[in-house]
Amino acid sequence: MSLWTLGQDLDPILVVLSDQLVGTFRPKEVAAAGTIQALVLARGASVFHNDFPNSPWAGTLPVGHIPVENVLFTPLPNGDAVSGLLGVINKPGGFGDADCRLLEGFAGLLGMGLAKLRTKEALEASERRHRTIFERAANPIVRLSMDGTILDCNHQVERVFGYPMSELRGQPARL
């Protein structure tokens, strides 16, 4: 099984075979024009081939790739976009439409998980940027709850007003 994520040139492709990590590849090395992966990305739909050695894509495998008899790739959905690919190879007897539906269902769940992870990472990055701005501001900043309790303040509050931040947190704000 291989999992490909898109969006960043440096996202590795994780290749797992029978619970053993086989290796990683970079998307630009493998999903170039003319590959089965490029076809899946262009169509936005699953593609399988049960005679891979005689397919138009047989010569597109990276150096050192294990032999491929048959292959199935499906896109990882992310709303209306494709966020990656999920691929499986070498099923005894080959792949069929039922295999496509099964892998598409799994890819849908995986796509939702990846979207959630990327959203979480973006939120954490935004929070780090906010925290940096908050802490490095030249002016005092106080963050209050709806009832006026001091939730947080930056170091400039301590410098200007002379109270340690630890004493201010949790106290009611009074003018």
N, C-alpha and C. Protein backbone atom coordinates (compact mmCIF):
# COMPACT_ATOMS: atom_id res chain seq x y z
N MET A 1 0.86 -1.17 0.00
CA MET A 1 0.00 0.00 0.00
C MET A 1 0.90 1.22 0.00
N SER A 2 0.51 2.22 -0.73
CA SER A 2 1.25 3.47 -0.71
C SER A 2 0.29 4.61 -0.46
N LEU A 3 0.73 5.58 0.32
CA LEU A 3 -0.05 6.77 0.64
C LEU A 3 0.73 7.96 0.14
N TRP A 4 0.11 8.77 -0.71
CA TRP A 4 0.73 9.96 -1.27
C TRP A 4 -0.06 11.15 -0.81
N THR A 5 0.61 12.17 -0.30
CA THR A 5 -0.07 13.41 0.02
C THR A 5 0.46 14.50 -0.88
N LEU A 6 -0.42 15.38 -1.31
CA LEU A 6 -0.07 16.43 -2.25
C LEU A 6 -0.05 17.77 -1.55
N GLY A 7 0.41 18.78 -2.26
CA GLY A 7 0.36 20.13 -1.74
C GLY A 7 1.73 20.69 -1.42
N GLN A 8 2.66 19.82 -1.07
CA GLN A 8 4.02 20.28 -0.80
C GLN A 8 4.97 19.36 -1.53
N ASP A 9 5.96 19.92 -2.20
CA ASP A 9 6.90 19.12 -2.95
C ASP A 9 7.67 18.14 -2.07
N LEU A 10 7.79 18.45 -0.80
CA LEU A 10 8.62 17.63 0.07
C LEU A 10 7.85 16.53 0.79
N ASP A 11 6.52 16.47 0.62
CA ASP A 11 5.76 15.41 1.26
C ASP A 11 6.22 14.07 0.70
N PRO A 12 6.68 13.19 1.56
CA PRO A 12 7.13 11.90 1.04
C PRO A 12 5.96 10.98 0.74
N ILE A 13 6.22 10.02 -0.11
CA ILE A 13 5.27 8.95 -0.38
C ILE A 13 5.70 7.79 0.48
N LEU A 14 4.80 7.32 1.31
CA LEU A 14 5.09 6.22 2.21
C LEU A 14 4.67 4.93 1.53
N VAL A 15 5.57 3.99 1.41
CA VAL A 15 5.27 2.72 0.77
C VAL A 15 5.42 1.61 1.80
N VAL A 16 4.32 0.89 2.05
CA VAL A 16 4.30 -0.17 3.04
C VAL A 16 3.89 -1.46 2.34
N LEU A 17 4.60 -2.53 2.61
CA LEU A 17 4.29 -3.82 2.02
C LEU A 17 4.30 -4.86 3.13
N SER A 18 3.16 -5.45 3.39
CA SER A 18 3.05 -6.48 4.42
C SER A 18 3.62 -6.02 5.76
N ASP A 19 3.18 -4.85 6.22
CA ASP A 19 3.61 -4.27 7.50
C ASP A 19 5.09 -3.92 7.56
N GLN A 20 5.76 -3.85 6.43
CA GLN A 20 7.18 -3.50 6.41
C GLN A 20 7.36 -2.27 5.51
N LEU A 21 8.03 -1.26 6.05
CA LEU A 21 8.29 -0.05 5.27
C LEU A 21 9.28 -0.40 4.17
N VAL A 22 8.86 -0.18 2.92
CA VAL A 22 9.72 -0.48 1.78
C VAL A 22 10.58 0.72 1.44
N GLY A 23 10.00 1.92 1.50
CA GLY A 23 10.78 3.10 1.19
C GLY A 23 9.89 4.30 1.01
N THR A 24 10.51 5.42 0.74
CA THR A 24 9.76 6.63 0.45
C THR A 24 10.27 7.21 -0.86
N PHE A 25 9.37 7.88 -1.56
CA PHE A 25 9.70 8.54 -2.82
C PHE A 25 9.12 9.94 -2.75
N ARG A 26 9.60 10.82 -3.57
CA ARG A 26 9.06 12.17 -3.67
C ARG A 26 8.02 12.20 -4.78
N PRO A 27 6.90 12.90 -4.60
CA PRO A 27 5.85 12.92 -5.61
C PRO A 27 6.32 13.30 -7.00
N LYS A 28 7.23 14.27 -7.12
CA LYS A 28 7.67 14.69 -8.45
C LYS A 28 8.46 13.59 -9.15
N GLU A 29 9.04 12.66 -8.38
CA GLU A 29 9.80 11.57 -8.98
C GLU A 29 8.88 10.53 -9.60
N VAL A 30 7.69 10.38 -9.05
CA VAL A 30 6.83 9.27 -9.42
C VAL A 30 5.58 9.70 -10.18
N ALA A 31 4.96 10.81 -9.79
CA ALA A 31 3.69 11.22 -10.39
C ALA A 31 3.90 12.17 -11.56
N ALA A 32 4.96 11.94 -12.31
CA ALA A 32 5.22 12.77 -13.48
C ALA A 32 4.21 12.43 -14.57
N ALA A 33 4.15 13.28 -15.58
CA ALA A 33 3.24 13.04 -16.70
C ALA A 33 3.52 11.66 -17.28
N GLY A 34 2.45 10.96 -17.64
CA GLY A 34 2.60 9.65 -18.25
C GLY A 34 2.53 8.50 -17.28
N THR A 35 2.40 8.76 -15.99
CA THR A 35 2.29 7.68 -15.02
C THR A 35 0.83 7.42 -14.73
N ILE A 36 0.56 6.24 -14.16
CA ILE A 36 -0.81 5.91 -13.78
C ILE A 36 -1.29 6.86 -12.68
N GLN A 37 -0.37 7.30 -11.83
CA GLN A 37 -0.74 8.23 -10.76
C GLN A 37 -1.19 9.56 -11.35
N ALA A 38 -0.51 10.02 -12.39
CA ALA A 38 -0.91 11.27 -13.04
C ALA A 38 -2.30 11.14 -13.66
N LEU A 39 -2.61 9.96 -14.20
CA LEU A 39 -3.93 9.71 -14.76
C LEU A 39 -5.01 9.78 -13.67
N VAL A 40 -4.74 9.18 -12.53
CA VAL A 40 -5.69 9.23 -11.41
C VAL A 40 -5.92 10.67 -10.97
N LEU A 41 -4.83 11.44 -10.87
CA LEU A 41 -4.95 12.85 -10.47
C LEU A 41 -5.75 13.64 -11.51
N ALA A 42 -5.51 13.39 -12.78
CA ALA A 42 -6.21 14.12 -13.84
C ALA A 42 -7.69 13.78 -13.86
N ARG A 43 -8.02 12.51 -13.70
CA ARG A 43 -9.42 12.07 -13.72
C ARG A 43 -10.15 12.35 -12.41
N GLY A 44 -9.38 12.31 -11.31
CA GLY A 44 -10.02 12.40 -10.00
C GLY A 44 -10.82 11.16 -9.68
N ALA A 45 -10.44 10.04 -10.29
CA ALA A 45 -11.17 8.78 -10.10
C ALA A 45 -10.18 7.62 -10.04
N SER A 46 -10.63 6.52 -9.48
CA SER A 46 -9.79 5.33 -9.35
C SER A 46 -9.44 4.75 -10.71
N VAL A 47 -8.25 4.16 -10.76
CA VAL A 47 -7.80 3.46 -11.96
C VAL A 47 -7.12 2.18 -11.51
N PHE A 48 -7.47 1.06 -12.16
CA PHE A 48 -6.74 -0.18 -11.88
C PHE A 48 -6.35 -0.82 -13.20
N HIS A 49 -5.29 -1.63 -13.13
CA HIS A 49 -4.81 -2.36 -14.30
C HIS A 49 -4.29 -3.70 -13.82
N ASN A 50 -4.77 -4.78 -14.44
CA ASN A 50 -4.42 -6.12 -13.97
C ASN A 50 -3.31 -6.80 -14.77
N ASP A 51 -2.71 -6.10 -15.71
CA ASP A 51 -1.56 -6.62 -16.46
C ASP A 51 -0.53 -5.50 -16.55
N PHE A 52 -0.05 -5.07 -15.40
CA PHE A 52 0.82 -3.90 -15.34
C PHE A 52 2.09 -4.05 -16.17
N PRO A 53 2.74 -5.22 -16.21
CA PRO A 53 3.97 -5.32 -17.01
C PRO A 53 3.74 -5.01 -18.49
N ASN A 54 2.52 -5.17 -18.99
CA ASN A 54 2.22 -4.88 -20.39
C ASN A 54 1.40 -3.60 -20.55
N SER A 55 1.39 -2.77 -19.53
CA SER A 55 0.63 -1.52 -19.57
C SER A 55 1.51 -0.38 -20.08
N PRO A 56 0.89 0.73 -20.45
CA PRO A 56 1.69 1.89 -20.87
C PRO A 56 2.55 2.48 -19.76
N TRP A 57 2.28 2.08 -18.52
CA TRP A 57 2.98 2.66 -17.36
C TRP A 57 4.10 1.77 -16.84
N ALA A 58 4.32 0.62 -17.46
CA ALA A 58 5.30 -0.35 -16.94
C ALA A 58 6.69 0.27 -16.80
N GLY A 59 7.07 1.15 -17.70
CA GLY A 59 8.40 1.75 -17.65
C GLY A 59 8.52 2.96 -16.76
N THR A 60 7.45 3.30 -16.02
CA THR A 60 7.48 4.52 -15.20
C THR A 60 7.81 4.27 -13.74
N LEU A 61 8.04 3.02 -13.37
CA LEU A 61 8.35 2.73 -11.97
C LEU A 61 9.74 3.26 -11.61
N PRO A 62 9.90 3.74 -10.38
CA PRO A 62 11.22 4.22 -9.96
C PRO A 62 12.22 3.06 -9.89
N VAL A 63 13.47 3.38 -10.00
CA VAL A 63 14.54 2.39 -9.89
C VAL A 63 14.44 1.72 -8.52
N GLY A 64 14.52 0.41 -8.51
CA GLY A 64 14.48 -0.33 -7.26
C GLY A 64 13.09 -0.72 -6.80
N HIS A 65 12.06 -0.32 -7.55
CA HIS A 65 10.68 -0.67 -7.18
C HIS A 65 10.49 -2.17 -7.31
N ILE A 66 9.69 -2.74 -6.40
CA ILE A 66 9.41 -4.17 -6.49
C ILE A 66 8.58 -4.44 -7.75
N PRO A 67 8.62 -5.66 -8.27
CA PRO A 67 7.82 -5.97 -9.46
C PRO A 67 6.33 -5.76 -9.19
N VAL A 68 5.63 -5.22 -10.19
CA VAL A 68 4.20 -4.94 -10.07
C VAL A 68 3.45 -5.77 -11.12
N GLU A 69 2.55 -6.61 -10.64
CA GLU A 69 1.71 -7.42 -11.55
C GLU A 69 0.40 -6.70 -11.85
N ASN A 70 -0.18 -6.11 -10.81
CA ASN A 70 -1.43 -5.37 -10.98
C ASN A 70 -1.44 -4.21 -9.99
N VAL A 71 -2.26 -3.21 -10.26
CA VAL A 71 -2.22 -1.99 -9.46
C VAL A 71 -3.60 -1.36 -9.41
N LEU A 72 -3.87 -0.70 -8.29
CA LEU A 72 -5.10 0.08 -8.11
C LEU A 72 -4.73 1.35 -7.35
N PHE A 73 -5.04 2.49 -7.94
CA PHE A 73 -4.85 3.79 -7.29
C PHE A 73 -6.20 4.49 -7.19
N THR A 74 -6.41 5.15 -6.07
CA THR A 74 -7.63 5.94 -5.89
C THR A 74 -7.25 7.29 -5.28
N PRO A 75 -7.97 8.35 -5.64
CA PRO A 75 -7.66 9.66 -5.06
C PRO A 75 -8.12 9.76 -3.60
N LEU A 76 -7.41 10.59 -2.85
CA LEU A 76 -7.83 10.93 -1.48
C LEU A 76 -8.62 12.22 -1.58
N PRO A 77 -9.92 12.16 -1.33
CA PRO A 77 -10.73 13.37 -1.48
C PRO A 77 -10.51 14.34 -0.33
N ASN A 78 -10.62 15.62 -0.67
CA ASN A 78 -10.54 16.69 0.32
C ASN A 78 -11.55 17.74 -0.15
N GLY A 79 -12.81 17.54 0.20
CA GLY A 79 -13.86 18.39 -0.33
C GLY A 79 -14.00 18.13 -1.81
N ASP A 80 -13.90 19.18 -2.61
CA ASP A 80 -13.97 19.05 -4.06
C ASP A 80 -12.61 18.84 -4.70
N ALA A 81 -11.57 18.79 -3.90
CA ALA A 81 -10.21 18.65 -4.42
C ALA A 81 -9.66 17.27 -4.10
N VAL A 82 -8.49 16.98 -4.62
CA VAL A 82 -7.78 15.74 -4.33
C VAL A 82 -6.56 16.10 -3.51
N SER A 83 -6.41 15.47 -2.34
CA SER A 83 -5.28 15.80 -1.47
C SER A 83 -4.17 14.76 -1.52
N GLY A 84 -4.37 13.71 -2.28
CA GLY A 84 -3.34 12.69 -2.37
C GLY A 84 -3.87 11.47 -3.10
N LEU A 85 -3.12 10.39 -3.01
CA LEU A 85 -3.47 9.13 -3.65
C LEU A 85 -3.25 7.98 -2.67
N LEU A 86 -4.01 6.93 -2.86
CA LEU A 86 -3.82 5.70 -2.12
C LEU A 86 -3.69 4.59 -3.14
N GLY A 87 -2.65 3.78 -3.04
CA GLY A 87 -2.42 2.74 -4.03
C GLY A 87 -2.14 1.40 -3.40
N VAL A 88 -2.57 0.35 -4.09
CA VAL A 88 -2.26 -1.02 -3.68
C VAL A 88 -1.82 -1.78 -4.93
N ILE A 89 -0.97 -2.78 -4.71
CA ILE A 89 -0.46 -3.55 -5.84
C ILE A 89 -0.50 -5.04 -5.53
N ASN A 90 -0.38 -5.83 -6.59
CA ASN A 90 -0.14 -7.27 -6.53
C ASN A 90 -1.18 -8.06 -5.75
N LYS A 91 -2.46 -7.81 -6.04
CA LYS A 91 -3.52 -8.62 -5.44
C LYS A 91 -3.64 -9.92 -6.24
N PRO A 92 -3.55 -11.05 -5.57
CA PRO A 92 -3.74 -12.32 -6.30
C PRO A 92 -5.09 -12.32 -7.01
N GLY A 93 -5.09 -12.60 -8.28
CA GLY A 93 -6.32 -12.61 -9.06
C GLY A 93 -6.69 -11.27 -9.66
N GLY A 94 -6.00 -10.21 -9.26
CA GLY A 94 -6.25 -8.89 -9.83
C GLY A 94 -7.33 -8.10 -9.10
N PHE A 95 -7.51 -6.85 -9.53
CA PHE A 95 -8.46 -5.93 -8.93
C PHE A 95 -9.72 -5.84 -9.77
N GLY A 96 -10.82 -5.44 -9.14
CA GLY A 96 -12.09 -5.25 -9.83
C GLY A 96 -12.82 -4.05 -9.26
N ASP A 97 -14.04 -3.85 -9.74
CA ASP A 97 -14.84 -2.71 -9.30
C ASP A 97 -15.12 -2.72 -7.80
N ALA A 98 -15.32 -3.91 -7.23
CA ALA A 98 -15.57 -4.00 -5.78
C ALA A 98 -14.35 -3.53 -5.00
N ASP A 99 -13.15 -3.84 -5.50
CA ASP A 99 -11.92 -3.38 -4.85
C ASP A 99 -11.82 -1.85 -4.92
N CYS A 100 -12.23 -1.29 -6.07
CA CYS A 100 -12.25 0.18 -6.21
C CYS A 100 -13.15 0.80 -5.17
N ARG A 101 -14.36 0.27 -5.04
CA ARG A 101 -15.31 0.85 -4.07
C ARG A 101 -14.78 0.74 -2.64
N LEU A 102 -14.18 -0.40 -2.30
CA LEU A 102 -13.62 -0.58 -0.96
C LEU A 102 -12.50 0.40 -0.69
N LEU A 103 -11.55 0.52 -1.64
CA LEU A 103 -10.43 1.43 -1.45
C LEU A 103 -10.89 2.89 -1.46
N GLU A 104 -11.90 3.21 -2.27
CA GLU A 104 -12.45 4.57 -2.28
C GLU A 104 -13.08 4.92 -0.93
N GLY A 105 -13.77 3.95 -0.31
CA GLY A 105 -14.33 4.19 1.03
C GLY A 105 -13.24 4.45 2.05
N PHE A 106 -12.19 3.63 2.00
CA PHE A 106 -11.08 3.81 2.92
C PHE A 106 -10.37 5.13 2.65
N ALA A 107 -10.20 5.46 1.36
CA ALA A 107 -9.54 6.72 0.99
C ALA A 107 -10.35 7.92 1.47
N GLY A 108 -11.68 7.81 1.43
CA GLY A 108 -12.53 8.90 1.94
C GLY A 108 -12.28 9.15 3.42
N LEU A 109 -12.21 8.07 4.20
CA LEU A 109 -11.93 8.21 5.63
C LEU A 109 -10.53 8.77 5.86
N LEU A 110 -9.57 8.26 5.11
CA LEU A 110 -8.20 8.74 5.23
C LEU A 110 -8.09 10.19 4.82
N GLY A 111 -8.79 10.58 3.75
CA GLY A 111 -8.80 11.98 3.31
C GLY A 111 -9.35 12.90 4.38
N MET A 112 -10.43 12.47 5.06
CA MET A 112 -10.98 13.29 6.15
C MET A 112 -9.98 13.41 7.29
N GLY A 113 -9.29 12.32 7.60
CA GLY A 113 -8.28 12.36 8.65
C GLY A 113 -7.12 13.28 8.31
N LEU A 114 -6.66 13.22 7.05
CA LEU A 114 -5.58 14.11 6.63
C LEU A 114 -6.02 15.57 6.66
N ALA A 115 -7.26 15.83 6.23
CA ALA A 115 -7.77 17.20 6.26
C ALA A 115 -7.83 17.71 7.70
N LYS A 116 -8.28 16.86 8.60
CA LYS A 116 -8.35 17.25 10.01
C LYS A 116 -6.95 17.52 10.56
N LEU A 117 -5.99 16.67 10.21
CA LEU A 117 -4.61 16.86 10.67
C LEU A 117 -4.03 18.16 10.13
N ARG A 118 -4.25 18.44 8.84
CA ARG A 118 -3.73 19.69 8.26
C ARG A 118 -4.39 20.91 8.87
N THR A 119 -5.68 20.82 9.17
CA THR A 119 -6.38 21.92 9.83
C THR A 119 -5.80 22.16 11.22
N LYS A 120 -5.56 21.08 11.94
CA LYS A 120 -4.97 21.18 13.28
C LYS A 120 -3.58 21.80 13.20
N GLU A 121 -2.77 21.37 12.25
CA GLU A 121 -1.42 21.93 12.10
C GLU A 121 -1.48 23.42 11.74
N ALA A 122 -2.42 23.80 10.88
CA ALA A 122 -2.56 25.22 10.51
C ALA A 122 -3.01 26.04 11.71
N LEU A 123 -3.92 25.51 12.52
CA LEU A 123 -4.37 26.22 13.71
C LEU A 123 -3.22 26.38 14.70
N GLU A 124 -2.43 25.34 14.90
CA GLU A 124 -1.29 25.43 15.81
C GLU A 124 -0.27 26.46 15.33
N ALA A 125 -0.03 26.50 14.02
CA ALA A 125 0.90 27.49 13.47
C ALA A 125 0.36 28.90 13.67
N SER A 126 -0.95 29.08 13.47
CA SER A 126 -1.57 30.39 13.68
C SER A 126 -1.47 30.81 15.15
N GLU A 127 -1.70 29.85 16.03
CA GLU A 127 -1.60 30.16 17.46
C GLU A 127 -0.17 30.55 17.84
N ARG A 128 0.83 29.88 17.26
CA ARG A 128 2.24 30.24 17.54
C ARG A 128 2.54 31.65 17.05
N ARG A 129 2.04 32.00 15.84
CA ARG A 129 2.25 33.36 15.32
C ARG A 129 1.58 34.39 16.24
N HIS A 130 0.35 34.11 16.65
CA HIS A 130 -0.37 35.03 17.54
C HIS A 130 0.38 35.19 18.85
N ARG A 131 0.85 34.10 19.41
CA ARG A 131 1.58 34.14 20.68
C ARG A 131 2.85 34.97 20.53
N THR A 132 3.57 34.82 19.43
CA THR A 132 4.80 35.58 19.19
C THR A 132 4.50 37.07 19.12
N ILE A 133 3.47 37.44 18.37
CA ILE A 133 3.08 38.86 18.26
C ILE A 133 2.67 39.39 19.63
N PHE A 134 1.87 38.62 20.35
CA PHE A 134 1.39 39.01 21.67
C PHE A 134 2.55 39.25 22.63
N GLU A 135 3.50 38.33 22.66
CA GLU A 135 4.61 38.43 23.60
C GLU A 135 5.64 39.49 23.21
N ARG A 136 5.79 39.78 21.92
CA ARG A 136 6.81 40.72 21.48
C ARG A 136 6.28 42.13 21.24
N ALA A 137 5.00 42.35 21.50
CA ALA A 137 4.42 43.67 21.27
C ALA A 137 5.10 44.71 22.15
N ALA A 138 5.26 45.93 21.62
CA ALA A 138 5.90 47.01 22.36
C ALA A 138 4.97 47.62 23.39
N ASN A 139 3.67 47.41 23.23
CA ASN A 139 2.67 47.98 24.15
C ASN A 139 2.06 46.89 25.03
N PRO A 140 1.56 47.30 26.20
CA PRO A 140 0.89 46.33 27.06
C PRO A 140 -0.38 45.79 26.39
N ILE A 141 -0.59 44.49 26.48
CA ILE A 141 -1.80 43.85 25.97
C ILE A 141 -2.36 42.96 27.07
N VAL A 142 -3.65 43.12 27.34
CA VAL A 142 -4.34 42.30 28.34
C VAL A 142 -5.50 41.62 27.63
N ARG A 143 -5.64 40.32 27.83
CA ARG A 143 -6.76 39.57 27.26
C ARG A 143 -7.73 39.26 28.40
N LEU A 144 -8.99 39.66 28.19
CA LEU A 144 -10.01 39.52 29.22
C LEU A 144 -11.09 38.52 28.81
N SER A 145 -11.71 37.91 29.81
CA SER A 145 -12.88 37.07 29.56
C SER A 145 -14.09 37.99 29.40
N MET A 146 -15.22 37.42 29.04
CA MET A 146 -16.44 38.21 28.86
C MET A 146 -16.85 38.91 30.15
N ASP A 147 -16.53 38.32 31.31
CA ASP A 147 -16.91 38.96 32.58
C ASP A 147 -15.83 39.89 33.12
N GLY A 148 -14.74 40.11 32.36
CA GLY A 148 -13.72 41.06 32.77
C GLY A 148 -12.57 40.47 33.56
N THR A 149 -12.49 39.16 33.63
CA THR A 149 -11.37 38.51 34.32
C THR A 149 -10.15 38.50 33.41
N ILE A 150 -8.98 38.81 33.98
CA ILE A 150 -7.75 38.81 33.21
C ILE A 150 -7.36 37.36 32.91
N LEU A 151 -7.33 37.03 31.64
CA LEU A 151 -6.94 35.69 31.21
C LEU A 151 -5.45 35.60 30.92
N ASP A 152 -4.91 36.66 30.34
CA ASP A 152 -3.51 36.65 29.94
C ASP A 152 -3.06 38.08 29.74
N CYS A 153 -1.75 38.28 29.83
CA CYS A 153 -1.18 39.59 29.53
C CYS A 153 0.26 39.38 29.10
N ASN A 154 0.79 40.36 28.38
CA ASN A 154 2.17 40.23 27.92
C ASN A 154 3.13 40.85 28.93
N HIS A 155 4.41 40.71 28.65
CA HIS A 155 5.44 41.21 29.58
C HIS A 155 5.43 42.73 29.71
N GLN A 156 4.93 43.43 28.71
CA GLN A 156 4.88 44.89 28.79
C GLN A 156 3.93 45.35 29.88
N VAL A 157 2.91 44.57 30.20
CA VAL A 157 1.99 44.92 31.30
C VAL A 157 2.77 44.96 32.61
N GLU A 158 3.59 43.96 32.81
CA GLU A 158 4.41 43.91 34.02
C GLU A 158 5.38 45.10 34.07
N ARG A 159 6.00 45.42 32.93
CA ARG A 159 6.95 46.52 32.88
C ARG A 159 6.27 47.87 33.15
N VAL A 160 5.11 48.09 32.55
CA VAL A 160 4.42 49.38 32.67
C VAL A 160 3.72 49.54 34.01
N PHE A 161 3.04 48.47 34.47
CA PHE A 161 2.22 48.61 35.68
C PHE A 161 2.89 48.06 36.93
N GLY A 162 3.97 47.29 36.77
CA GLY A 162 4.73 46.84 37.92
C GLY A 162 4.18 45.60 38.61
N TYR A 163 3.16 44.98 38.06
CA TYR A 163 2.61 43.76 38.67
C TYR A 163 3.07 42.54 37.88
N PRO A 164 3.51 41.49 38.57
CA PRO A 164 3.88 40.27 37.85
C PRO A 164 2.67 39.66 37.15
N MET A 165 2.89 39.10 35.98
CA MET A 165 1.80 38.50 35.22
C MET A 165 1.10 37.42 36.03
N SER A 166 1.85 36.65 36.81
CA SER A 166 1.27 35.56 37.59
C SER A 166 0.25 36.07 38.60
N GLU A 167 0.44 37.31 39.12
CA GLU A 167 -0.51 37.89 40.07
C GLU A 167 -1.75 38.45 39.36
N LEU A 168 -1.60 38.86 38.10
CA LEU A 168 -2.72 39.47 37.38
C LEU A 168 -3.71 38.44 36.81
N ARG A 169 -3.19 37.31 36.38
CA ARG A 169 -4.05 36.29 35.78
C ARG A 169 -5.10 35.83 36.78
N GLY A 170 -6.34 35.81 36.32
CA GLY A 170 -7.45 35.37 37.16
C GLY A 170 -8.09 36.48 37.98
N GLN A 171 -7.49 37.66 37.98
CA GLN A 171 -8.02 38.79 38.73
C GLN A 171 -9.02 39.57 37.88
N PRO A 172 -9.97 40.26 38.51
CA PRO A 172 -10.88 41.11 37.75
C PRO A 172 -10.13 42.36 37.28
N ALA A 173 -10.40 42.78 36.06
CA ALA A 173 -9.77 44.00 35.53
C ALA A 173 -10.53 45.19 36.06
N ARG A 174 -9.83 46.18 36.62
CA ARG A 174 -10.44 47.40 37.12
C ARG A 174 -9.70 48.58 36.54
N LEU A 175 -10.44 49.57 36.10
CA LEU A 175 -9.81 50.79 35.59
C LEU A 175 -9.50 51.73 36.72
